[in-house]
Structures are given as C-alpha cells and as structure tokens.
Amino acid sequence: MAWCARSPSRSPARGYLRHSSTPPEHAVVATVLVYPRDAPQRYLEIRGDVTLVDDPDSQLIHDLVRTFTGAERYTGDEGTDNERVIVRVTPRRVVWRV
C-alpha cells in the first residue's frame, strides 16, 4: 500500500530498497495499479516516467500522515538518518477498466 498525493508521489527514505536499486541518473519507468478490493476486474493503470525529488524537510510524508491518520506528523523517521525523497510519476499511458 502506498499513500498518494494529488500529484502522483510517494515518499520513501533515501536508501529504501527500491530507491537505492535504481540511481536517479538512469531512466526509470513505473506502473501504478489501483483497484477496488471487492472488484479487482475494475482498475486504473498508470504507466509513466519517474523523477526523484529530494524532500529534506519530509513535508510530503507529514502532509500524508495528517491527511490519512489525523496525526500531526510522521514519527517513523525519528532517531534515524533517513532522508526522504518524492517519487513523481509523469503519466505516459493511462488505462481505466470499469
């Protein structure tokens, strides 16, 4: 599960397995698949280019935690040296099955 903001983003920490396995200088393509749990034959598929953007203040994860849980801020990074990044997907192809 990934929380998303209006601009399709995710906020993993730098060094997160999927982030570290693909250096930013390489072309990266992502597929995002969203479907209702009770009707998996209906779905939204988005394929596009990925851009990694530093989020030094962890603003995105704090905003997402506030939106989805009501907590004031994300505390999972406290006491760590995690550096957050935003994964931005720019759509090239969108498919919607109803």
Protein backbone atom coordinates (compact mmCIF):
# COMPACT_ATOMS: atom_id res chain seq x y z
CA MET A 1 0.00 0.00 0.00
CA ALA A 2 1.24 3.48 -0.80
CA TRP A 3 -0.28 6.81 0.16
CA CYS A 4 -0.56 9.23 -2.72
CA ALA A 5 -0.94 12.94 -3.04
CA ARG A 6 -2.76 14.65 -5.91
CA SER A 7 0.43 14.83 -7.90
CA PRO A 8 1.28 11.11 -8.03
CA SER A 9 4.03 10.91 -5.43
CA ARG A 10 5.41 8.59 -2.85
CA SER A 11 7.85 9.48 -0.12
CA PRO A 12 10.34 6.69 0.59
CA ALA A 13 13.50 7.31 2.55
CA ARG A 14 16.74 7.58 0.58
CA GLY A 15 18.33 4.15 0.77
CA TYR A 16 14.93 2.43 0.72
CA LEU A 17 15.42 -0.81 -1.24
CA ARG A 18 13.59 0.24 -4.41
CA HIS A 19 15.09 3.72 -4.32
CA SER A 20 18.68 2.57 -3.88
CA SER A 21 18.47 -0.11 -6.56
CA THR A 22 17.93 2.48 -9.30
CA PRO A 23 20.22 5.52 -9.34
CA PRO A 24 18.48 8.77 -10.36
CA GLU A 25 20.64 9.24 -13.46
CA HIS A 26 19.05 6.18 -15.10
CA ALA A 27 15.74 6.35 -16.96
CA VAL A 28 13.06 4.85 -14.74
CA VAL A 29 9.54 3.83 -15.68
CA ALA A 30 6.81 2.90 -13.19
CA THR A 31 3.43 1.24 -13.31
CA VAL A 32 0.82 2.21 -10.72
CA LEU A 33 -2.19 -0.11 -10.46
CA VAL A 34 -5.23 0.88 -8.39
CA TYR A 35 -8.30 -1.32 -7.97
CA PRO A 36 -11.20 -1.78 -5.54
CA ARG A 37 -10.63 -4.72 -3.20
CA ASP A 38 -14.14 -6.07 -3.85
CA ALA A 39 -13.95 -5.73 -7.67
CA PRO A 40 -10.39 -6.40 -8.89
CA GLN A 41 -11.57 -6.66 -12.51
CA ARG A 42 -12.07 -2.87 -12.40
CA TYR A 43 -8.82 -0.94 -12.26
CA LEU A 44 -6.83 2.15 -13.12
CA GLU A 45 -3.36 1.57 -14.57
CA ILE A 46 -0.89 4.44 -14.95
CA ARG A 47 2.48 3.97 -16.65
CA GLY A 48 4.99 6.76 -16.81
CA ASP A 49 8.42 8.21 -16.29
CA VAL A 50 9.77 8.57 -12.76
CA THR A 51 11.52 11.61 -11.32
CA LEU A 52 13.11 11.51 -7.86
CA VAL A 53 12.97 14.77 -5.90
CA ASP A 54 14.65 15.35 -2.52
CA ASP A 55 12.28 16.18 0.35
CA PRO A 56 14.76 17.39 3.01
CA ASP A 57 12.04 18.64 5.39
CA SER A 58 9.93 15.46 4.94
CA GLN A 59 6.98 17.73 4.17
CA LEU A 60 5.16 15.24 1.92
CA ILE A 61 5.14 12.38 4.46
CA HIS A 62 3.95 14.77 7.20
CA ASP A 63 1.12 16.02 4.95
CA LEU A 64 0.10 12.46 4.03
CA VAL A 65 0.09 11.30 7.66
CA ARG A 66 -2.04 14.30 8.61
CA THR A 67 -4.48 13.55 5.75
CA PHE A 68 -4.78 9.79 6.23
CA THR A 69 -4.37 9.32 10.01
CA GLY A 70 -5.03 12.72 11.56
CA ALA A 71 -1.64 12.67 13.34
CA GLU A 72 0.26 15.95 13.30
CA ARG A 73 3.46 14.49 11.85
CA TYR A 74 5.17 11.24 10.82
CA THR A 75 7.31 9.89 13.64
CA GLY A 76 8.74 6.77 11.97
CA ASP A 77 11.94 8.54 10.96
CA GLU A 78 12.72 9.97 14.40
CA GLY A 79 16.09 8.83 15.67
CA THR A 80 17.21 7.70 12.20
CA ASP A 81 19.30 9.26 9.47
CA ASN A 82 16.58 8.68 6.84
CA GLU A 83 16.50 11.23 4.03
CA ARG A 84 13.10 11.35 2.31
CA VAL A 85 12.60 11.59 -1.44
CA ILE A 86 9.45 12.08 -3.52
CA VAL A 87 8.82 9.66 -6.38
CA ARG A 88 6.92 11.59 -9.04
CA VAL A 89 5.32 9.62 -11.90
CA THR A 90 4.61 11.59 -15.09
CA PRO A 91 1.95 9.56 -16.96
CA ARG A 92 2.63 8.31 -20.49
CA ARG A 93 -0.26 5.85 -20.64
CA VAL A 94 -3.47 5.60 -18.61
CA VAL A 95 -5.93 2.67 -18.84
CA TRP A 96 -9.26 2.53 -16.99
CA ARG A 97 -11.34 -0.67 -16.90
CA VAL A 98 -14.85 -0.50 -15.47
